[in-house]
């Protein structure tokens, strides 16, 4: 795992929570991290946004020419939204696609 992710998450995860996947996006060059419980956006060495996976709903759209776009919103607070894009599918996009596929509330 990248040192930036480790530095940003040091002491920030709940007991027993672990990082399961991480990828760097094509928009802001931020890291998107999936743990057992959360989706976390790491900008530089700091957490820019985080959302519990149990609150997350959204879409993962893959287009050969445009890459993979992820739109996430909170089920509890519709104003809380996250958007990112990746050049190609990765562990984060695949796990979120699986999560949203089984979700009753997607965009």
C-alpha atoms as a PDB file:
ATOM      1  CA  UNK A   1       0.000   0.000   0.000  1.00  0.00           C
ATOM      2  CA  UNK A   2       1.272   3.461  -0.818  1.00  0.00           C
ATOM      3  CA  UNK A   3       2.823   5.492   1.998  1.00  0.00           C
ATOM      4  CA  UNK A   4       0.327   8.331   1.411  1.00  0.00           C
ATOM      5  CA  UNK A   5      -2.587   6.013   2.070  1.00  0.00           C
ATOM      6  CA  UNK A   6      -0.925   4.602   5.165  1.00  0.00           C
ATOM      7  CA  UNK A   7      -0.170   8.086   6.504  1.00  0.00           C
ATOM      8  CA  UNK A   8      -3.710   9.342   5.877  1.00  0.00           C
ATOM      9  CA  UNK A   9      -5.376   6.295   7.417  1.00  0.00           C
ATOM     10  CA  UNK A  10      -3.102   5.934  10.432  1.00  0.00           C
ATOM     11  CA  UNK A  11      -5.415   5.773  13.437  1.00  0.00           C
ATOM     12  CA  UNK A  12      -8.494   6.573  11.309  1.00  0.00           C
ATOM     13  CA  UNK A  13     -10.006   3.117  10.790  1.00  0.00           C
ATOM     14  CA  UNK A  14     -12.392   1.400  13.178  1.00  0.00           C
ATOM     15  CA  UNK A  15     -11.042  -1.523  15.186  1.00  0.00           C
ATOM     16  CA  UNK A  16     -10.898  -4.607  12.987  1.00  0.00           C
ATOM     17  CA  UNK A  17     -11.392  -2.642   9.750  1.00  0.00           C
ATOM     18  CA  UNK A  18      -8.818  -3.342   7.035  1.00  0.00           C
ATOM     19  CA  UNK A  19      -7.945  -1.922   3.626  1.00  0.00           C
ATOM     20  CA  UNK A  20      -9.153  -4.289   0.898  1.00  0.00           C
ATOM     21  CA  UNK A  21      -8.419  -2.317  -2.287  1.00  0.00           C
ATOM     22  CA  UNK A  22      -6.917   0.983  -3.415  1.00  0.00           C
ATOM     23  CA  UNK A  23      -6.609   2.716  -6.791  1.00  0.00           C
ATOM     24  CA  UNK A  24      -5.594   6.136  -8.107  1.00  0.00           C
ATOM     25  CA  UNK A  25      -8.183   8.029 -10.134  1.00  0.00           C
ATOM     26  CA  UNK A  26      -7.807   9.909 -13.404  1.00  0.00           C
ATOM     27  CA  UNK A  27      -9.545  13.122 -12.329  1.00  0.00           C
ATOM     28  CA  UNK A  28      -7.677  14.484  -9.328  1.00  0.00           C
ATOM     29  CA  UNK A  29      -5.019  11.760  -9.036  1.00  0.00           C
ATOM     30  CA  UNK A  30      -6.514  10.941  -5.631  1.00  0.00           C
ATOM     31  CA  UNK A  31      -6.453   7.509  -4.090  1.00  0.00           C
ATOM     32  CA  UNK A  32      -9.753   5.702  -3.532  1.00  0.00           C
ATOM     33  CA  UNK A  33      -9.590   3.134  -0.788  1.00  0.00           C
ATOM     34  CA  UNK A  34     -12.065   0.401   0.087  1.00  0.00           C
ATOM     35  CA  UNK A  35     -11.966  -1.069   3.551  1.00  0.00           C
ATOM     36  CA  UNK A  36     -14.269  -3.685   5.020  1.00  0.00           C
ATOM     37  CA  UNK A  37     -16.601  -0.847   6.090  1.00  0.00           C
ATOM     38  CA  UNK A  38     -15.859   2.333   4.126  1.00  0.00           C
ATOM     39  CA  UNK A  39     -15.069   4.016   0.831  1.00  0.00           C
ATOM     40  CA  UNK A  40     -12.390   6.646   1.482  1.00  0.00           C
ATOM     41  CA  UNK A  41     -10.958   9.322  -0.833  1.00  0.00           C
ATOM     42  CA  UNK A  42      -7.358  10.240   0.040  1.00  0.00           C
ATOM     43  CA  UNK A  43      -6.111  13.561  -1.374  1.00  0.00           C
ATOM     44  CA  UNK A  44      -2.420  14.080  -0.793  1.00  0.00           C
ATOM     45  CA  UNK A  45      -1.815  12.840   2.740  1.00  0.00           C
ATOM     46  CA  UNK A  46      -5.294  13.577   4.089  1.00  0.00           C
ATOM     47  CA  UNK A  47      -8.745  12.035   3.960  1.00  0.00           C
ATOM     48  CA  UNK A  48     -10.879  14.185   1.649  1.00  0.00           C
ATOM     49  CA  UNK A  49     -14.105  12.160   1.910  1.00  0.00           C
ATOM     50  CA  UNK A  50     -15.382   8.967   3.442  1.00  0.00           C
ATOM     51  CA  UNK A  51     -18.624   7.041   3.353  1.00  0.00           C
ATOM     52  CA  UNK A  52     -19.810   3.896   5.083  1.00  0.00           C
ATOM     53  CA  UNK A  53     -20.434   1.148   2.552  1.00  0.00           C
ATOM     54  CA  UNK A  54     -23.772   0.434   4.222  1.00  0.00           C
ATOM     55  CA  UNK A  55     -24.805   4.029   3.330  1.00  0.00           C
ATOM     56  CA  UNK A  56     -23.400   3.969  -0.205  1.00  0.00           C
ATOM     57  CA  UNK A  57     -25.467   3.609  -3.365  1.00  0.00           C
ATOM     58  CA  UNK A  58     -24.535   4.497  -6.897  1.00  0.00           C
ATOM     59  CA  UNK A  59     -23.396   3.360 -10.300  1.00  0.00           C
ATOM     60  CA  UNK A  60     -20.275   2.070 -11.977  1.00  0.00           C
ATOM     61  CA  UNK A  61     -20.278   2.758 -15.722  1.00  0.00           C
ATOM     62  CA  UNK A  62     -17.624   1.266 -17.996  1.00  0.00           C
ATOM     63  CA  UNK A  63     -17.046   2.500 -21.538  1.00  0.00           C
ATOM     64  CA  UNK A  64     -14.159   1.294 -23.627  1.00  0.00           C
ATOM     65  CA  UNK A  65     -13.270   4.789 -24.845  1.00  0.00           C
ATOM     66  CA  UNK A  66     -13.907   6.659 -21.564  1.00  0.00           C
ATOM     67  CA  UNK A  67     -12.808   4.219 -18.896  1.00  0.00           C
ATOM     68  CA  UNK A  68     -14.766   3.545 -15.719  1.00  0.00           C
ATOM     69  CA  UNK A  69     -16.859   6.235 -14.007  1.00  0.00           C
ATOM     70  CA  UNK A  70     -18.086   5.841 -10.440  1.00  0.00           C
ATOM     71  CA  UNK A  71     -20.924   7.889  -8.985  1.00  0.00           C
ATOM     72  CA  UNK A  72     -21.673   7.335  -5.313  1.00  0.00           C
ATOM     73  CA  UNK A  73     -24.230   8.988  -3.066  1.00  0.00           C
ATOM     74  CA  UNK A  74     -25.217   8.497   0.531  1.00  0.00           C
ATOM     75  CA  UNK A  75     -28.555   6.830   1.208  1.00  0.00           C
ATOM     76  CA  UNK A  76     -28.913   9.009   4.319  1.00  0.00           C
ATOM     77  CA  UNK A  77     -27.787  12.318   2.856  1.00  0.00           C
ATOM     78  CA  UNK A  78     -28.448  12.749  -0.879  1.00  0.00           C
ATOM     79  CA  UNK A  79     -26.326  15.914  -0.867  1.00  0.00           C
ATOM     80  CA  UNK A  80     -23.240  13.821  -0.116  1.00  0.00           C
ATOM     81  CA  UNK A  81     -21.967  12.638  -3.479  1.00  0.00           C
ATOM     82  CA  UNK A  82     -18.661  11.358  -4.801  1.00  0.00           C
ATOM     83  CA  UNK A  83     -17.577  11.136  -8.437  1.00  0.00           C
ATOM     84  CA  UNK A  84     -14.418   9.706  -9.923  1.00  0.00           C
ATOM     85  CA  UNK A  85     -13.077   8.076 -13.058  1.00  0.00           C
ATOM     86  CA  UNK A  86     -10.468   5.405 -13.718  1.00  0.00           C
ATOM     87  CA  UNK A  87      -8.741   4.577 -16.986  1.00  0.00           C
ATOM     88  CA  UNK A  88      -9.559   0.869 -16.655  1.00  0.00           C
ATOM     89  CA  UNK A  89     -11.356  -1.467 -14.240  1.00  0.00           C
ATOM     90  CA  UNK A  90      -9.515  -2.240 -11.002  1.00  0.00           C
ATOM     91  CA  UNK A  91     -10.171  -3.847  -7.617  1.00  0.00           C
ATOM     92  CA  UNK A  92     -12.011  -0.743  -6.338  1.00  0.00           C
ATOM     93  CA  UNK A  93     -14.311  -0.463  -9.379  1.00  0.00           C
ATOM     94  CA  UNK A  94     -15.070  -4.197  -9.376  1.00  0.00           C
ATOM     95  CA  UNK A  95     -15.909  -4.286  -5.662  1.00  0.00           C
ATOM     96  CA  UNK A  96     -18.133  -1.204  -5.914  1.00  0.00           C
ATOM     97  CA  UNK A  97     -19.904  -2.639  -8.971  1.00  0.00           C
ATOM     98  CA  UNK A  98     -20.635  -5.801  -6.974  1.00  0.00           C
ATOM     99  CA  UNK A  99     -21.867  -3.740  -4.032  1.00  0.00           C
ATOM    100  CA  UNK A 100     -24.135  -1.520  -6.142  1.00  0.00           C
ATOM    101  CA  UNK A 101     -25.482  -4.442  -8.161  1.00  0.00           C
ATOM    102  CA  UNK A 102     -26.873  -5.949  -4.982  1.00  0.00           C
ATOM    103  CA  UNK A 103     -28.120  -2.554  -3.799  1.00  0.00           C
ATOM    104  CA  UNK A 104     -31.813  -1.742  -3.906  1.00  0.00           C
ATOM    105  CA  UNK A 105     -31.138   1.975  -4.398  1.00  0.00           C
ATOM    106  CA  UNK A 106     -28.925   2.944  -7.332  1.00  0.00           C
ATOM    107  CA  UNK A 107     -28.941   5.985  -9.584  1.00  0.00           C
END
